[in-house]
Amino acid sequence: MRAIWNGAIGFGLVNIPIKLYSATEESNLDLDMLDKDDLSNINFKRVNANTGKEVKWENIVKGYKLEDRYVVLTQEDFDEVNPEKSKILNIKQFVDINEIDSAYFETSYFLEPQKNGEEAYKLLLKALLKTKMAGIGTFILREKEILCLVRPYQDKILMVNRMRYPEELRSFEDLKIPSAKNPNAEELEMAESLIKQRATKFDPEKYKNTYNDDLMKIIKAKAKGKVKKVETKEEVSAKATDLMAQLKASLEAGKVKAG
């Protein structure tokens, strides 16, 4: 793996030199965009909006439109914003991870200690495990200030979870959520029974992205000139009058499967 950020974790007066690595990768099939007439690849070019001419990458700069003109920014300007934050992931507080709503979490990264940082890295890892806490901090990555959570992962390594800022979460108040009567006691009891019937410990190995495999089967079949007929499935009724029947059927199905 290639490190995407080099710096240090800072908490109190302790600095731990680390490297940051992406902990995730895409699992989608690599599909190309083609011209349907001759199946040629579609290329995307960086074009000047005024002249229509293609612009070389080395001639592209970044700018911010202030009133009626652009202010061009250089790498030195970005570095000057906060030199310390560009090199230090500063942990500002330690919290119980269970207090954080999962809606705040984004991308995950692995942290690797650099030379002379191994002992302090192991110390922070063990301390977080023993206290069952996680660190909230910020650092600069690709010209953005990242809010993040530093926590143990599988008790062996420190992981960084990139987090959303509160202002990045939209309000749901403007959604048209119809008011509904409270469920009756029997419906609620059956729903609780259904949840308990299917309650297990989370096992990520049980889940696999089968969409790609199914799509690849179609691709291979089409390559051989075969076209698979799409099977239409009956729509599940969502009428309120069917709710009790659906709950009963779900519980019965669960009993049969368990038997």
Protein backbone atom coordinates (compact mmCIF):
# COMPACT_ATOMS: atom_id res chain seq x y z
CA MET A 1 0.00 0.00 0.00
CA ARG A 2 1.05 3.58 -0.60
CA ALA A 3 0.80 6.14 2.19
CA ILE A 4 -1.49 9.09 1.40
CA TRP A 5 -0.35 11.28 4.32
CA ASN A 6 2.73 11.55 6.51
CA GLY A 7 2.69 13.34 9.83
CA ALA A 8 2.18 12.73 13.52
CA ILE A 9 -0.55 12.14 16.06
CA GLY A 10 -0.42 14.69 18.82
CA PHE A 11 -2.10 14.25 22.20
CA GLY A 12 -0.94 16.29 25.14
CA LEU A 13 2.82 16.74 24.73
CA VAL A 14 3.21 13.37 23.00
CA ASN A 15 3.82 13.24 19.23
CA ILE A 16 3.71 9.93 17.37
CA PRO A 17 5.13 9.95 13.81
CA ILE A 18 2.73 8.00 11.57
CA LYS A 19 1.72 7.24 8.01
CA LEU A 20 -1.88 7.18 6.81
CA TYR A 21 -3.17 4.48 4.43
CA SER A 22 -6.59 4.01 2.87
CA ALA A 23 -8.36 1.10 4.61
CA THR A 24 -11.02 0.58 1.94
CA GLU A 25 -11.28 0.00 -1.80
CA GLU A 26 -14.06 -0.08 -4.37
CA SER A 27 -15.54 -3.46 -5.28
CA ASN A 28 -17.46 -2.35 -8.38
CA LEU A 29 -16.78 -3.71 -11.86
CA ASP A 30 -14.66 -1.41 -14.02
CA LEU A 31 -17.15 -0.39 -16.71
CA ASP A 32 -16.05 1.89 -19.55
CA MET A 33 -18.19 4.57 -21.21
CA LEU A 34 -18.49 3.88 -24.95
CA ASP A 35 -20.00 5.42 -28.07
CA LYS A 36 -22.94 3.14 -28.88
CA ASP A 37 -22.31 3.48 -32.64
CA ASP A 38 -18.81 1.98 -32.78
CA LEU A 39 -18.03 1.15 -29.11
CA SER A 40 -15.12 3.62 -29.00
CA ASN A 41 -13.98 4.82 -25.58
CA ILE A 42 -15.30 8.19 -24.43
CA ASN A 43 -12.51 10.56 -23.37
CA PHE A 44 -12.96 13.53 -21.04
CA LYS A 45 -10.89 16.62 -21.65
CA ARG A 46 -10.17 19.75 -19.61
CA VAL A 47 -11.46 22.52 -21.84
CA ASN A 48 -11.28 26.32 -21.55
CA ALA A 49 -14.90 27.52 -21.27
CA ASN A 50 -14.16 30.63 -23.39
CA THR A 51 -11.93 29.31 -26.16
CA GLY A 52 -13.08 25.69 -26.26
CA LYS A 53 -9.42 24.60 -26.40
CA GLU A 54 -7.97 21.82 -24.26
CA VAL A 55 -5.82 22.99 -21.32
CA LYS A 56 -2.74 21.07 -20.21
CA TRP A 57 -2.70 19.95 -16.59
CA GLU A 58 0.39 22.05 -15.77
CA ASN A 59 -1.48 25.17 -16.87
CA ILE A 60 -4.44 24.63 -14.54
CA VAL A 61 -4.59 26.62 -11.30
CA LYS A 62 -7.12 26.84 -8.47
CA GLY A 63 -9.02 30.00 -7.70
CA TYR A 64 -11.88 31.45 -5.67
CA LYS A 65 -14.37 33.87 -7.17
CA LEU A 66 -14.52 36.91 -4.90
CA GLU A 67 -17.22 39.32 -6.05
CA ASP A 68 -16.54 39.70 -9.79
CA ARG A 69 -12.98 38.34 -10.09
CA TYR A 70 -10.98 35.22 -9.33
CA VAL A 71 -8.23 35.09 -6.69
CA VAL A 72 -5.67 32.44 -7.72
CA LEU A 73 -4.26 30.23 -4.94
CA THR A 74 -0.87 28.50 -4.96
CA GLN A 75 0.36 25.52 -2.93
CA GLU A 76 2.19 28.01 -0.68
CA ASP A 77 -1.16 29.64 0.14
CA PHE A 78 -2.65 26.31 1.21
CA ASP A 79 0.43 25.51 3.30
CA GLU A 80 0.20 28.90 5.01
CA VAL A 81 -3.39 28.33 6.25
CA ASN A 82 -2.22 26.31 9.26
CA PRO A 83 1.25 24.71 8.94
CA GLU A 84 0.82 22.73 12.17
CA LYS A 85 -2.45 21.09 11.10
CA SER A 86 -0.93 19.99 7.80
CA LYS A 87 1.56 17.79 9.66
CA ILE A 88 -0.12 16.93 12.97
CA LEU A 89 -3.33 15.03 13.65
CA ASN A 90 -4.16 16.81 16.87
CA ILE A 91 -6.40 14.83 19.26
CA LYS A 92 -8.51 17.40 21.09
CA GLN A 93 -10.64 15.14 23.28
CA PHE A 94 -11.32 11.52 24.14
CA VAL A 95 -14.87 10.17 23.99
CA ASP A 96 -16.92 7.01 24.24
CA ILE A 97 -17.36 5.90 20.62
CA ASN A 98 -20.90 4.73 21.43
CA GLU A 99 -21.89 8.36 21.99
CA ILE A 100 -21.26 9.20 18.31
CA ASP A 101 -24.07 8.69 15.80
CA SER A 102 -22.87 6.57 12.87
CA ALA A 103 -24.23 9.22 10.46
CA TYR A 104 -21.06 11.20 11.20
CA PHE A 105 -18.69 8.49 9.93
CA GLU A 106 -17.15 8.49 6.45
CA THR A 107 -13.92 6.95 5.07
CA SER A 108 -11.61 4.68 7.10
CA TYR A 109 -7.80 4.78 7.17
CA PHE A 110 -5.08 2.67 8.77
CA LEU A 111 -2.32 4.28 10.84
CA GLU A 112 1.21 2.90 10.76
CA PRO A 113 3.95 4.12 13.12
CA GLN A 114 7.06 5.56 11.55
CA LYS A 115 10.60 4.97 12.81
CA ASN A 116 11.02 5.91 16.51
CA GLY A 117 7.25 6.10 16.95
CA GLU A 118 6.56 2.42 17.62
CA GLU A 119 6.56 2.59 21.45
CA ALA A 120 4.31 5.67 21.67
CA TYR A 121 1.99 4.15 19.04
CA LYS A 122 1.64 0.94 21.07
CA LEU A 123 1.10 2.98 24.23
CA LEU A 124 -1.81 4.94 22.71
CA LEU A 125 -3.32 1.75 21.26
CA LYS A 126 -3.22 -0.07 24.61
CA ALA A 127 -4.48 2.96 26.54
CA LEU A 128 -7.49 3.35 24.22
CA LEU A 129 -8.27 -0.36 24.52
CA LYS A 130 -8.08 -0.28 28.31
CA THR A 131 -10.19 2.88 28.70
CA LYS A 132 -12.56 1.89 25.84
CA MET A 133 -12.25 5.42 24.50
CA ALA A 134 -11.45 7.03 21.13
CA GLY A 135 -9.79 10.31 20.20
CA ILE A 136 -11.44 13.13 18.27
CA GLY A 137 -9.04 15.28 16.26
CA THR A 138 -8.39 17.25 13.09
CA PHE A 139 -5.71 17.40 10.39
CA ILE A 140 -5.26 18.73 6.85
CA LEU A 141 -5.63 16.25 3.97
CA ARG A 142 -5.71 17.33 0.32
CA GLU A 143 -6.43 20.96 1.16
CA LYS A 144 -9.29 20.13 3.52
CA GLU A 145 -9.47 20.13 7.30
CA ILE A 146 -10.58 16.65 8.28
CA LEU A 147 -12.53 15.91 11.44
CA CYS A 148 -11.70 12.37 12.52
CA LEU A 149 -11.89 9.65 15.14
CA VAL A 150 -8.79 7.70 16.20
CA ARG A 151 -9.66 4.26 17.57
CA PRO A 152 -8.32 0.72 17.92
CA TYR A 153 -9.19 -1.70 15.13
CA GLN A 154 -9.38 -5.42 15.92
CA ASP A 155 -7.23 -4.66 18.99
CA LYS A 156 -4.11 -4.64 16.78
CA ILE A 157 -3.85 -1.33 14.98
CA LEU A 158 -4.97 2.29 15.19
CA MET A 159 -7.60 3.34 12.67
CA VAL A 160 -8.80 6.79 11.64
CA ASN A 161 -12.44 7.26 10.75
CA ARG A 162 -13.02 10.44 8.77
CA MET A 163 -16.09 12.25 10.12
CA ARG A 164 -18.62 14.73 8.79
CA TYR A 165 -18.93 18.13 10.41
CA PRO A 166 -22.37 18.88 11.93
CA GLU A 167 -23.13 21.42 9.18
CA GLU A 168 -22.64 18.69 6.55
CA LEU A 169 -25.59 16.67 7.84
CA ARG A 170 -28.86 17.76 6.28
CA SER A 171 -32.01 18.34 8.29
CA PHE A 172 -34.90 15.94 7.75
CA GLU A 173 -37.49 18.43 8.98
CA ASP A 174 -38.62 19.33 5.45
CA LEU A 175 -39.36 15.70 4.50
CA LYS A 176 -43.01 14.80 4.08
CA ILE A 177 -43.28 12.10 6.72
CA PRO A 178 -46.97 11.32 7.21
CA SER A 179 -48.26 10.99 10.72
CA ALA A 180 -49.47 7.50 11.54
CA LYS A 181 -51.33 6.05 14.46
CA ASN A 182 -49.31 4.17 17.02
CA PRO A 183 -49.21 0.39 16.48
CA ASN A 184 -51.54 -1.64 18.62
CA ALA A 185 -50.11 -3.84 21.38
CA GLU A 186 -50.39 -7.07 19.35
CA GLU A 187 -48.60 -5.63 16.31
CA LEU A 188 -45.81 -4.23 18.48
CA GLU A 189 -45.38 -7.53 20.33
CA MET A 190 -45.14 -9.45 17.05
CA ALA A 191 -42.62 -6.96 15.62
CA GLU A 192 -40.50 -7.32 18.76
CA SER A 193 -40.69 -11.11 18.47
CA LEU A 194 -39.57 -10.92 14.83
CA ILE A 195 -36.57 -8.77 15.79
CA LYS A 196 -35.59 -11.12 18.65
CA GLN A 197 -36.04 -14.16 16.39
CA ARG A 198 -33.47 -12.79 13.95
CA ALA A 199 -31.12 -11.22 16.49
CA THR A 200 -27.51 -12.46 16.23
CA LYS A 201 -24.00 -11.13 16.69
CA PHE A 202 -22.77 -9.11 13.73
CA ASP A 203 -20.63 -11.22 11.39
CA PRO A 204 -19.33 -9.24 8.38
CA GLU A 205 -18.28 -12.49 6.66
CA LYS A 206 -21.96 -13.30 6.10
CA TYR A 207 -22.30 -10.38 3.69
CA LYS A 208 -20.97 -10.32 0.15
CA ASN A 209 -21.52 -8.00 -2.79
CA THR A 210 -23.20 -10.51 -5.14
CA TYR A 211 -24.31 -7.84 -7.63
CA ASN A 212 -20.92 -7.87 -9.36
CA ASP A 213 -20.95 -11.68 -9.69
CA ASP A 214 -24.47 -11.64 -11.12
CA LEU A 215 -23.56 -8.86 -13.54
CA MET A 216 -20.44 -10.75 -14.67
CA LYS A 217 -22.58 -13.81 -15.46
CA ILE A 218 -24.73 -11.61 -17.71
CA ILE A 219 -21.61 -10.13 -19.36
CA LYS A 220 -20.18 -13.59 -20.11
CA ALA A 221 -23.55 -14.82 -21.39
CA LYS A 222 -23.90 -11.82 -23.72
CA ALA A 223 -20.36 -12.40 -24.97
CA LYS A 224 -21.50 -15.86 -26.06
CA GLY A 225 -24.62 -14.44 -27.71
CA LYS A 226 -27.01 -15.53 -24.98
CA VAL A 227 -29.64 -13.18 -23.57
CA LYS A 228 -31.14 -14.04 -20.21
CA LYS A 229 -34.83 -13.33 -19.77
CA VAL A 230 -35.56 -11.05 -16.83
CA GLU A 231 -37.79 -12.68 -14.26
CA THR A 232 -40.46 -10.34 -12.97
CA LYS A 233 -41.23 -10.61 -9.28
CA GLU A 234 -44.51 -9.83 -7.65
CA GLU A 235 -44.56 -6.59 -5.75
CA VAL A 236 -44.89 -6.91 -2.01
CA SER A 237 -48.07 -5.33 -0.72
CA ALA A 238 -47.49 -2.42 1.62
CA LYS A 239 -51.09 -1.83 2.62
CA ALA A 240 -51.66 -1.14 6.30
CA THR A 241 -54.39 -3.80 6.37
CA ASP A 242 -51.80 -6.42 5.47
CA LEU A 243 -49.41 -5.51 8.28
CA MET A 244 -50.60 -8.14 10.76
CA ALA A 245 -50.60 -10.85 8.08
CA GLN A 246 -47.07 -9.92 7.02
CA LEU A 247 -45.83 -10.07 10.61
CA LYS A 248 -47.39 -13.49 11.16
CA ALA A 249 -45.99 -14.84 7.88
CA SER A 250 -42.52 -13.50 8.73
CA LEU A 251 -42.54 -15.19 12.14
CA GLU A 252 -43.72 -18.49 10.67
CA ALA A 253 -41.06 -18.35 7.96
CA GLY A 254 -38.44 -17.77 10.62
CA LYS A 255 -39.61 -20.79 12.61
CA VAL A 256 -39.50 -23.03 9.53
CA LYS A 257 -35.99 -21.83 8.65
CA ALA A 258 -34.80 -22.42 12.21
CA GLY A 259 -36.35 -25.91 12.23
